[in-house]
Amino acid sequence: MSATTAIVAVLAAAGVIWLLRTAFIAMVPTDRLPVAIRRSFVVAGPAAMAALATTAVLAARTGGAPPPVRHLAALLVAAVLARRGAN
C-alpha cells in the first residue's frame, strides 16, 4: 500500500465518521433521548478531558510502558469518589 492510498483511506474513514456523528447530532432530538443519557451529556466533556489528561500523565510517567498497579488503583479510587460525589 502506498502512502497516498493510506492517506486517502484515513481521510475517507474520517469523513464517514464525521458524517455519522453529525447526522446523529442533527437528526436525534434531545428531548426524545432517555433521561439517563441526557444527564450524561453534562459530564461527558469533563470526563473526556480527564481521560485524555490521565493518559498523558501516565504515559509521561511510565515512558509509554503499562502503568504500575498503584496508578491504576489511584484512578479507580478517583473514579469511585467522583461517582459517589455525582461529578
N, C-alpha and C. Protein backbone atom coordinates (compact mmCIF):
# COMPACT_ATOMS: atom_id res chain seq x y z
N MET A 1 0.85 -1.17 0.00
CA MET A 1 0.00 0.00 0.00
C MET A 1 0.90 1.23 0.00
N SER A 2 0.63 2.13 -0.90
CA SER A 2 1.43 3.34 -0.98
C SER A 2 0.96 4.34 0.09
N ALA A 3 1.78 5.34 0.31
CA ALA A 3 1.45 6.37 1.30
C ALA A 3 0.21 7.14 0.89
N THR A 4 0.07 7.39 -0.39
CA THR A 4 -1.10 8.13 -0.88
C THR A 4 -2.38 7.34 -0.63
N THR A 5 -2.34 6.05 -0.91
CA THR A 5 -3.52 5.21 -0.68
C THR A 5 -3.88 5.19 0.79
N ALA A 6 -2.89 5.11 1.66
CA ALA A 6 -3.15 5.09 3.10
C ALA A 6 -3.76 6.41 3.56
N ILE A 7 -3.23 7.52 3.07
CA ILE A 7 -3.76 8.83 3.45
C ILE A 7 -5.19 8.98 2.96
N VAL A 8 -5.47 8.57 1.74
CA VAL A 8 -6.83 8.66 1.20
C VAL A 8 -7.78 7.79 2.02
N ALA A 9 -7.34 6.59 2.41
CA ALA A 9 -8.19 5.71 3.21
C ALA A 9 -8.49 6.31 4.57
N VAL A 10 -7.49 6.90 5.21
CA VAL A 10 -7.70 7.52 6.52
C VAL A 10 -8.63 8.72 6.40
N LEU A 11 -8.43 9.54 5.39
CA LEU A 11 -9.30 10.70 5.20
C LEU A 11 -10.74 10.29 4.88
N ALA A 12 -10.91 9.24 4.09
CA ALA A 12 -12.25 8.75 3.78
C ALA A 12 -12.93 8.22 5.04
N ALA A 13 -12.20 7.47 5.85
CA ALA A 13 -12.77 6.96 7.10
C ALA A 13 -13.13 8.11 8.03
N ALA A 14 -12.29 9.10 8.11
CA ALA A 14 -12.57 10.27 8.96
C ALA A 14 -13.82 10.99 8.47
N GLY A 15 -13.96 11.12 7.16
CA GLY A 15 -15.15 11.77 6.61
C GLY A 15 -16.43 11.00 6.92
N VAL A 16 -16.38 9.70 6.79
CA VAL A 16 -17.56 8.88 7.10
C VAL A 16 -17.92 8.99 8.57
N ILE A 17 -16.92 8.92 9.44
CA ILE A 17 -17.18 9.04 10.87
C ILE A 17 -17.76 10.40 11.20
N TRP A 18 -17.22 11.44 10.61
CA TRP A 18 -17.74 12.79 10.86
C TRP A 18 -19.19 12.90 10.41
N LEU A 19 -19.50 12.34 9.24
CA LEU A 19 -20.88 12.38 8.75
C LEU A 19 -21.83 11.63 9.68
N LEU A 20 -21.41 10.48 10.17
CA LEU A 20 -22.26 9.72 11.09
C LEU A 20 -22.48 10.48 12.39
N ARG A 21 -21.44 11.06 12.92
CA ARG A 21 -21.59 11.82 14.17
C ARG A 21 -22.48 13.03 13.96
N THR A 22 -22.28 13.73 12.88
CA THR A 22 -23.08 14.91 12.60
C THR A 22 -24.55 14.53 12.38
N ALA A 23 -24.78 13.46 11.66
CA ALA A 23 -26.16 13.01 11.42
C ALA A 23 -26.85 12.66 12.74
N PHE A 24 -26.15 11.99 13.64
CA PHE A 24 -26.74 11.63 14.92
C PHE A 24 -27.09 12.88 15.71
N ILE A 25 -26.19 13.85 15.73
CA ILE A 25 -26.43 15.08 16.48
C ILE A 25 -27.58 15.87 15.86
N ALA A 26 -27.63 15.93 14.54
CA ALA A 26 -28.63 16.76 13.87
C ALA A 26 -30.01 16.10 13.80
N MET A 27 -30.06 14.77 13.74
CA MET A 27 -31.34 14.11 13.50
C MET A 27 -32.02 13.55 14.74
N VAL A 28 -31.29 13.36 15.81
CA VAL A 28 -31.91 12.80 17.02
C VAL A 28 -32.25 13.94 17.97
N PRO A 29 -33.53 14.19 18.18
CA PRO A 29 -33.90 15.27 19.10
C PRO A 29 -33.56 14.90 20.54
N THR A 30 -33.00 15.83 21.25
CA THR A 30 -32.54 15.58 22.61
C THR A 30 -33.69 15.20 23.53
N ASP A 31 -34.84 15.79 23.34
CA ASP A 31 -35.96 15.52 24.24
C ASP A 31 -36.51 14.10 24.10
N ARG A 32 -36.15 13.38 23.05
CA ARG A 32 -36.61 12.01 22.88
C ARG A 32 -35.63 10.98 23.44
N LEU A 33 -34.47 11.42 23.88
CA LEU A 33 -33.49 10.51 24.46
C LEU A 33 -33.88 10.18 25.91
N PRO A 34 -33.48 9.01 26.40
CA PRO A 34 -33.75 8.68 27.80
C PRO A 34 -33.08 9.69 28.74
N VAL A 35 -33.67 9.84 29.90
CA VAL A 35 -33.19 10.82 30.87
C VAL A 35 -31.74 10.54 31.28
N ALA A 36 -31.40 9.28 31.45
CA ALA A 36 -30.03 8.94 31.87
C ALA A 36 -29.01 9.42 30.85
N ILE A 37 -29.33 9.31 29.57
CA ILE A 37 -28.40 9.76 28.52
C ILE A 37 -28.31 11.28 28.52
N ARG A 38 -29.44 11.95 28.69
CA ARG A 38 -29.41 13.41 28.73
C ARG A 38 -28.59 13.92 29.90
N ARG A 39 -28.69 13.25 31.05
CA ARG A 39 -27.90 13.65 32.21
C ARG A 39 -26.41 13.43 31.96
N SER A 40 -26.08 12.40 31.20
CA SER A 40 -24.66 12.11 30.95
C SER A 40 -24.01 13.17 30.06
N PHE A 41 -24.80 13.91 29.28
CA PHE A 41 -24.23 14.96 28.44
C PHE A 41 -23.53 16.03 29.26
N VAL A 42 -23.99 16.24 30.48
CA VAL A 42 -23.42 17.28 31.32
C VAL A 42 -21.98 16.94 31.70
N VAL A 43 -21.70 15.67 31.93
CA VAL A 43 -20.37 15.28 32.40
C VAL A 43 -19.51 14.65 31.31
N ALA A 44 -20.02 14.54 30.10
CA ALA A 44 -19.27 13.88 29.03
C ALA A 44 -18.00 14.65 28.67
N GLY A 45 -18.09 15.96 28.58
CA GLY A 45 -16.92 16.77 28.24
C GLY A 45 -15.83 16.69 29.29
N PRO A 46 -16.16 16.95 30.57
CA PRO A 46 -15.13 16.82 31.60
C PRO A 46 -14.57 15.40 31.71
N ALA A 47 -15.39 14.40 31.51
CA ALA A 47 -14.90 13.02 31.57
C ALA A 47 -13.91 12.74 30.45
N ALA A 48 -14.20 13.23 29.26
CA ALA A 48 -13.28 13.05 28.14
C ALA A 48 -11.95 13.77 28.39
N MET A 49 -12.02 14.97 28.92
CA MET A 49 -10.79 15.71 29.22
C MET A 49 -9.98 15.00 30.32
N ALA A 50 -10.66 14.46 31.33
CA ALA A 50 -9.97 13.73 32.39
C ALA A 50 -9.30 12.48 31.84
N ALA A 51 -9.96 11.79 30.93
CA ALA A 51 -9.37 10.60 30.32
C ALA A 51 -8.13 10.96 29.51
N LEU A 52 -8.20 12.04 28.76
CA LEU A 52 -7.03 12.48 27.98
C LEU A 52 -5.88 12.90 28.88
N ALA A 53 -6.19 13.64 29.93
CA ALA A 53 -5.14 14.08 30.85
C ALA A 53 -4.51 12.90 31.57
N THR A 54 -5.34 11.96 32.00
CA THR A 54 -4.82 10.78 32.70
C THR A 54 -3.90 9.98 31.80
N THR A 55 -4.31 9.79 30.56
CA THR A 55 -3.49 9.05 29.62
C THR A 55 -2.15 9.75 29.40
N ALA A 56 -2.18 11.06 29.25
CA ALA A 56 -0.95 11.81 29.02
C ALA A 56 -0.03 11.74 30.24
N VAL A 57 -0.59 11.88 31.43
CA VAL A 57 0.22 11.84 32.64
C VAL A 57 0.84 10.46 32.84
N LEU A 58 0.04 9.41 32.67
CA LEU A 58 0.57 8.06 32.85
C LEU A 58 1.62 7.72 31.81
N ALA A 59 1.41 8.15 30.57
CA ALA A 59 2.39 7.88 29.52
C ALA A 59 3.70 8.62 29.80
N ALA A 60 3.60 9.83 30.32
CA ALA A 60 4.80 10.60 30.63
C ALA A 60 5.55 10.00 31.81
N ARG A 61 4.80 9.52 32.80
CA ARG A 61 5.44 8.95 34.00
C ARG A 61 6.09 7.61 33.72
N THR A 62 5.48 6.81 32.86
CA THR A 62 5.97 5.44 32.66
C THR A 62 6.74 5.29 31.36
N GLY A 63 6.86 6.35 30.58
CA GLY A 63 7.59 6.28 29.33
C GLY A 63 6.89 5.42 28.28
N GLY A 64 5.59 5.31 28.38
CA GLY A 64 4.82 4.53 27.41
C GLY A 64 4.62 3.08 27.82
N ALA A 65 5.29 2.64 28.89
CA ALA A 65 5.10 1.27 29.38
C ALA A 65 3.76 1.18 30.10
N PRO A 66 3.25 -0.02 30.30
CA PRO A 66 2.00 -0.14 31.05
C PRO A 66 2.15 0.47 32.44
N PRO A 67 1.12 1.17 32.91
CA PRO A 67 1.23 1.85 34.20
C PRO A 67 1.30 0.85 35.35
N PRO A 68 2.00 1.22 36.42
CA PRO A 68 2.05 0.35 37.59
C PRO A 68 0.66 0.19 38.21
N VAL A 69 0.50 -0.85 38.97
CA VAL A 69 -0.80 -1.15 39.58
C VAL A 69 -1.24 -0.02 40.50
N ARG A 70 -0.31 0.62 41.18
CA ARG A 70 -0.70 1.69 42.11
C ARG A 70 -1.33 2.87 41.37
N HIS A 71 -0.89 3.15 40.15
CA HIS A 71 -1.50 4.22 39.37
C HIS A 71 -2.93 3.84 38.97
N LEU A 72 -3.09 2.60 38.55
CA LEU A 72 -4.44 2.15 38.19
C LEU A 72 -5.36 2.15 39.40
N ALA A 73 -4.83 1.78 40.55
CA ALA A 73 -5.64 1.80 41.78
C ALA A 73 -6.04 3.23 42.12
N ALA A 74 -5.13 4.18 41.95
CA ALA A 74 -5.44 5.58 42.23
C ALA A 74 -6.52 6.09 41.29
N LEU A 75 -6.47 5.68 40.02
CA LEU A 75 -7.51 6.08 39.07
C LEU A 75 -8.85 5.49 39.46
N LEU A 76 -8.85 4.25 39.92
CA LEU A 76 -10.10 3.61 40.33
C LEU A 76 -10.69 4.32 41.54
N VAL A 77 -9.87 4.67 42.51
CA VAL A 77 -10.35 5.40 43.67
C VAL A 77 -10.92 6.76 43.26
N ALA A 78 -10.23 7.46 42.36
CA ALA A 78 -10.73 8.76 41.89
C ALA A 78 -12.07 8.61 41.18
N ALA A 79 -12.19 7.56 40.38
CA ALA A 79 -13.45 7.33 39.67
C ALA A 79 -14.59 7.04 40.62
N VAL A 80 -14.33 6.22 41.63
CA VAL A 80 -15.37 5.89 42.62
C VAL A 80 -15.78 7.14 43.39
N LEU A 81 -14.81 7.94 43.81
CA LEU A 81 -15.13 9.16 44.55
C LEU A 81 -15.90 10.15 43.68
N ALA A 82 -15.52 10.25 42.42
CA ALA A 82 -16.24 11.15 41.51
C ALA A 82 -17.67 10.68 41.30
N ARG A 83 -17.85 9.38 41.19
CA ARG A 83 -19.20 8.83 41.00
C ARG A 83 -20.05 9.05 42.24
N ARG A 84 -19.48 8.82 43.42
CA ARG A 84 -20.23 9.00 44.66
C ARG A 84 -20.57 10.47 44.89
N GLY A 85 -19.71 11.36 44.43
CA GLY A 85 -19.95 12.78 44.59
C GLY A 85 -20.79 13.37 43.49
N ALA A 86 -21.28 12.53 42.57
CA ALA A 86 -22.11 12.95 41.43
C ALA A 86 -21.39 13.93 40.53
N ASN A 87 -20.09 13.77 40.41
CA ASN A 87 -19.31 14.61 39.49
C ASN A 87 -19.11 13.92 38.17
